[in-house]
Amino acid sequence: QVQLVESGGGLVQAGGSLRLSCAASGRTGSSYVMGWFRQAPGNERKFVAAISWNYGTYYADSVKGRFTISRDNAKNTVYLQMNSLKPEDTAVYFCAATTSLGNEYHYWGQGTQVTVSS
């Protein structure tokens, strides 16, 4: 079992930056693929970014060039640096973990709210 706890959300003006963190505990391992997803009100949850065990990164087109995912395996923590934020980035952001790319994400955090004002 893996427990994930997100932090770092908040209110920011358009053009600003935030860094989200996801601390993992339990049966964690550097081999897990870690991902970030987001869900805006009335919308389905959507993929944002993922990072593999060997630091390969993957991004949704909507955030490429603005968001950066990274991981510190020694701290069991994954980060999402979000720059040039837009109002449409407003959502609850979730951290998730899976055993390999392409597999369903089995472990999810509770989410952290990000609100971008115009």
C-alpha atoms as a PDB file:
ATOM      1  CA  GLN A   1       0.000   0.000   0.000  1.00  0.00           C
ATOM      2  CA  VAL A   2       1.197   3.490  -0.897  1.00  0.00           C
ATOM      3  CA  GLN A   3       0.013   6.717   0.696  1.00  0.00           C
ATOM      4  CA  LEU A   4       0.326  10.000  -1.182  1.00  0.00           C
ATOM      5  CA  VAL A   5      -0.067  13.480   0.275  1.00  0.00           C
ATOM      6  CA  GLU A   6      -0.071  16.585  -1.905  1.00  0.00           C
ATOM      7  CA  SER A   7       0.797  20.095  -0.788  1.00  0.00           C
ATOM      8  CA  GLY A   8       1.630  23.469  -2.260  1.00  0.00           C
ATOM      9  CA  GLY A   9      -1.665  24.473  -3.807  1.00  0.00           C
ATOM     10  CA  GLY A  10      -3.131  27.929  -3.404  1.00  0.00           C
ATOM     11  CA  LEU A  11      -4.324  31.089  -5.077  1.00  0.00           C
ATOM     12  CA  VAL A  12      -2.081  32.803  -7.605  1.00  0.00           C
ATOM     13  CA  GLN A  13      -2.515  35.460 -10.261  1.00  0.00           C
ATOM     14  CA  ALA A  14      -2.269  34.631 -13.930  1.00  0.00           C
ATOM     15  CA  GLY A  15       1.365  34.511 -15.005  1.00  0.00           C
ATOM     16  CA  GLY A  16       2.482  33.399 -11.569  1.00  0.00           C
ATOM     17  CA  SER A  17       4.072  30.186 -10.357  1.00  0.00           C
ATOM     18  CA  LEU A  18       3.410  27.438  -7.853  1.00  0.00           C
ATOM     19  CA  ARG A  19       5.246  24.277  -6.905  1.00  0.00           C
ATOM     20  CA  LEU A  20       3.258  21.255  -5.841  1.00  0.00           C
ATOM     21  CA  SER A  21       4.786  18.463  -3.789  1.00  0.00           C
ATOM     22  CA  CYS A  22       3.670  14.879  -3.335  1.00  0.00           C
ATOM     23  CA  ALA A  23       5.117  12.938  -0.425  1.00  0.00           C
ATOM     24  CA  ALA A  24       4.885   9.168  -0.677  1.00  0.00           C
ATOM     25  CA  SER A  25       4.956   6.720   2.210  1.00  0.00           C
ATOM     26  CA  GLY A  26       4.246   3.082   2.813  1.00  0.00           C
ATOM     27  CA  ARG A  27       5.313   0.510   0.250  1.00  0.00           C
ATOM     28  CA  THR A  28       7.073   3.091  -1.850  1.00  0.00           C
ATOM     29  CA  GLY A  29       9.856   2.535  -4.296  1.00  0.00           C
ATOM     30  CA  SER A  30      11.859   4.477  -6.814  1.00  0.00           C
ATOM     31  CA  SER A  31      10.561   2.102  -9.483  1.00  0.00           C
ATOM     32  CA  TYR A  32       7.062   3.578  -9.348  1.00  0.00           C
ATOM     33  CA  VAL A  33       5.866   5.839 -12.120  1.00  0.00           C
ATOM     34  CA  MET A  34       4.517   9.016 -10.543  1.00  0.00           C
ATOM     35  CA  GLY A  35       1.925  11.212 -12.183  1.00  0.00           C
ATOM     36  CA  TRP A  36      -0.021  14.408 -11.717  1.00  0.00           C
ATOM     37  CA  PHE A  37      -3.632  14.774 -12.786  1.00  0.00           C
ATOM     38  CA  ARG A  38      -6.125  17.593 -12.429  1.00  0.00           C
ATOM     39  CA  GLN A  39      -9.864  17.975 -12.283  1.00  0.00           C
ATOM     40  CA  ALA A  40     -11.711  21.224 -12.863  1.00  0.00           C
ATOM     41  CA  PRO A  41     -15.303  21.664 -11.630  1.00  0.00           C
ATOM     42  CA  GLY A  42     -17.731  19.789 -13.853  1.00  0.00           C
ATOM     43  CA  ASN A  43     -14.934  18.139 -15.817  1.00  0.00           C
ATOM     44  CA  GLU A  44     -13.342  14.724 -15.788  1.00  0.00           C
ATOM     45  CA  ARG A  45      -9.924  14.170 -14.275  1.00  0.00           C
ATOM     46  CA  LYS A  46      -7.181  14.671 -16.838  1.00  0.00           C
ATOM     47  CA  PHE A  47      -3.535  13.724 -17.141  1.00  0.00           C
ATOM     48  CA  VAL A  48      -1.008  16.518 -16.575  1.00  0.00           C
ATOM     49  CA  ALA A  49       2.443  14.966 -16.301  1.00  0.00           C
ATOM     50  CA  ALA A  50       4.305  11.792 -15.343  1.00  0.00           C
ATOM     51  CA  ILE A  51       7.840  10.751 -14.496  1.00  0.00           C
ATOM     52  CA  SER A  52       9.258   7.261 -14.749  1.00  0.00           C
ATOM     53  CA  TRP A  53      11.753   5.505 -12.526  1.00  0.00           C
ATOM     54  CA  ASN A  54      14.615   6.542 -14.826  1.00  0.00           C
ATOM     55  CA  TYR A  55      13.426  10.177 -14.926  1.00  0.00           C
ATOM     56  CA  GLY A  56      11.700  10.039 -18.292  1.00  0.00           C
ATOM     57  CA  THR A  57       9.036  12.752 -18.354  1.00  0.00           C
ATOM     58  CA  TYR A  58       5.713  13.063 -20.134  1.00  0.00           C
ATOM     59  CA  TYR A  59       3.388  16.038 -20.390  1.00  0.00           C
ATOM     60  CA  ALA A  60      -0.049  16.930 -21.607  1.00  0.00           C
ATOM     61  CA  ASP A  61       0.112  19.316 -24.557  1.00  0.00           C
ATOM     62  CA  SER A  62      -1.683  21.983 -22.555  1.00  0.00           C
ATOM     63  CA  VAL A  63       1.167  22.290 -20.046  1.00  0.00           C
ATOM     64  CA  LYS A  64       4.259  21.594 -22.137  1.00  0.00           C
ATOM     65  CA  GLY A  65       6.852  24.311 -21.732  1.00  0.00           C
ATOM     66  CA  ARG A  66       5.165  25.681 -18.605  1.00  0.00           C
ATOM     67  CA  PHE A  67       5.135  22.769 -16.135  1.00  0.00           C
ATOM     68  CA  THR A  68       8.042  20.609 -15.019  1.00  0.00           C
ATOM     69  CA  ILE A  69       7.749  17.336 -13.150  1.00  0.00           C
ATOM     70  CA  SER A  70      10.653  16.034 -11.079  1.00  0.00           C
ATOM     71  CA  ARG A  71      11.305  13.514  -8.354  1.00  0.00           C
ATOM     72  CA  ASP A  72      13.658  13.084  -5.404  1.00  0.00           C
ATOM     73  CA  ASN A  73      13.770   9.366  -4.692  1.00  0.00           C
ATOM     74  CA  ALA A  74      15.786   9.869  -1.509  1.00  0.00           C
ATOM     75  CA  LYS A  75      12.891  11.911  -0.125  1.00  0.00           C
ATOM     76  CA  ASN A  76      10.126   9.852  -1.763  1.00  0.00           C
ATOM     77  CA  THR A  77       8.760  13.097  -3.148  1.00  0.00           C
ATOM     78  CA  VAL A  78       7.552  14.216  -6.543  1.00  0.00           C
ATOM     79  CA  TYR A  79       7.231  17.840  -7.561  1.00  0.00           C
ATOM     80  CA  LEU A  80       5.280  19.773 -10.157  1.00  0.00           C
ATOM     81  CA  GLN A  81       6.707  23.197 -10.910  1.00  0.00           C
ATOM     82  CA  MET A  82       4.024  25.276 -12.595  1.00  0.00           C
ATOM     83  CA  ASN A  83       5.023  28.499 -14.333  1.00  0.00           C
ATOM     84  CA  SER A  84       3.113  30.992 -16.469  1.00  0.00           C
ATOM     85  CA  LEU A  85      -0.116  29.860 -14.893  1.00  0.00           C
ATOM     86  CA  LYS A  86      -3.393  30.563 -16.657  1.00  0.00           C
ATOM     87  CA  PRO A  87      -6.955  30.732 -15.302  1.00  0.00           C
ATOM     88  CA  GLU A  88      -7.704  27.509 -17.173  1.00  0.00           C
ATOM     89  CA  ASP A  89      -5.131  25.737 -14.984  1.00  0.00           C
ATOM     90  CA  THR A  90      -7.537  26.152 -12.061  1.00  0.00           C
ATOM     91  CA  ALA A  91      -8.355  22.681 -10.739  1.00  0.00           C
ATOM     92  CA  VAL A  92      -7.792  20.203  -7.973  1.00  0.00           C
ATOM     93  CA  TYR A  93      -4.429  18.564  -8.620  1.00  0.00           C
ATOM     94  CA  PHE A  94      -3.913  14.928  -7.713  1.00  0.00           C
ATOM     95  CA  CYS A  95      -0.740  12.928  -7.323  1.00  0.00           C
ATOM     96  CA  ALA A  96      -0.858   9.279  -8.368  1.00  0.00           C
ATOM     97  CA  ALA A  97       1.410   6.243  -8.568  1.00  0.00           C
ATOM     98  CA  THR A  98       1.558   3.140 -10.703  1.00  0.00           C
ATOM     99  CA  THR A  99       4.004   0.314 -11.186  1.00  0.00           C
ATOM    100  CA  SER A 100       4.763   1.007 -14.842  1.00  0.00           C
ATOM    101  CA  LEU A 101       3.891   3.291 -17.726  1.00  0.00           C
ATOM    102  CA  GLY A 102       0.645   2.410 -19.390  1.00  0.00           C
ATOM    103  CA  ASN A 103      -0.768   0.748 -16.322  1.00  0.00           C
ATOM    104  CA  GLU A 104      -3.714   2.066 -14.400  1.00  0.00           C
ATOM    105  CA  TYR A 105      -2.780   4.348 -11.528  1.00  0.00           C
ATOM    106  CA  HIS A 106      -3.638   2.443  -8.376  1.00  0.00           C
ATOM    107  CA  TYR A 107      -2.693   4.953  -5.707  1.00  0.00           C
ATOM    108  CA  TRP A 108      -4.055   8.482  -5.385  1.00  0.00           C
ATOM    109  CA  GLY A 109      -3.649  11.424  -3.072  1.00  0.00           C
ATOM    110  CA  GLN A 110      -6.507  13.548  -1.763  1.00  0.00           C
ATOM    111  CA  GLY A 111      -5.720  16.478  -4.016  1.00  0.00           C
ATOM    112  CA  THR A 112      -4.700  20.083  -3.588  1.00  0.00           C
ATOM    113  CA  GLN A 113      -6.585  23.075  -4.942  1.00  0.00           C
ATOM    114  CA  VAL A 114      -4.912  25.423  -7.401  1.00  0.00           C
ATOM    115  CA  THR A 115      -6.772  28.602  -8.282  1.00  0.00           C
ATOM    116  CA  VAL A 116      -5.448  31.029 -10.883  1.00  0.00           C
ATOM    117  CA  SER A 117      -7.120  34.434 -10.974  1.00  0.00           C
ATOM    118  CA  SER A 118      -7.222  36.579 -14.085  1.00  0.00           C
END
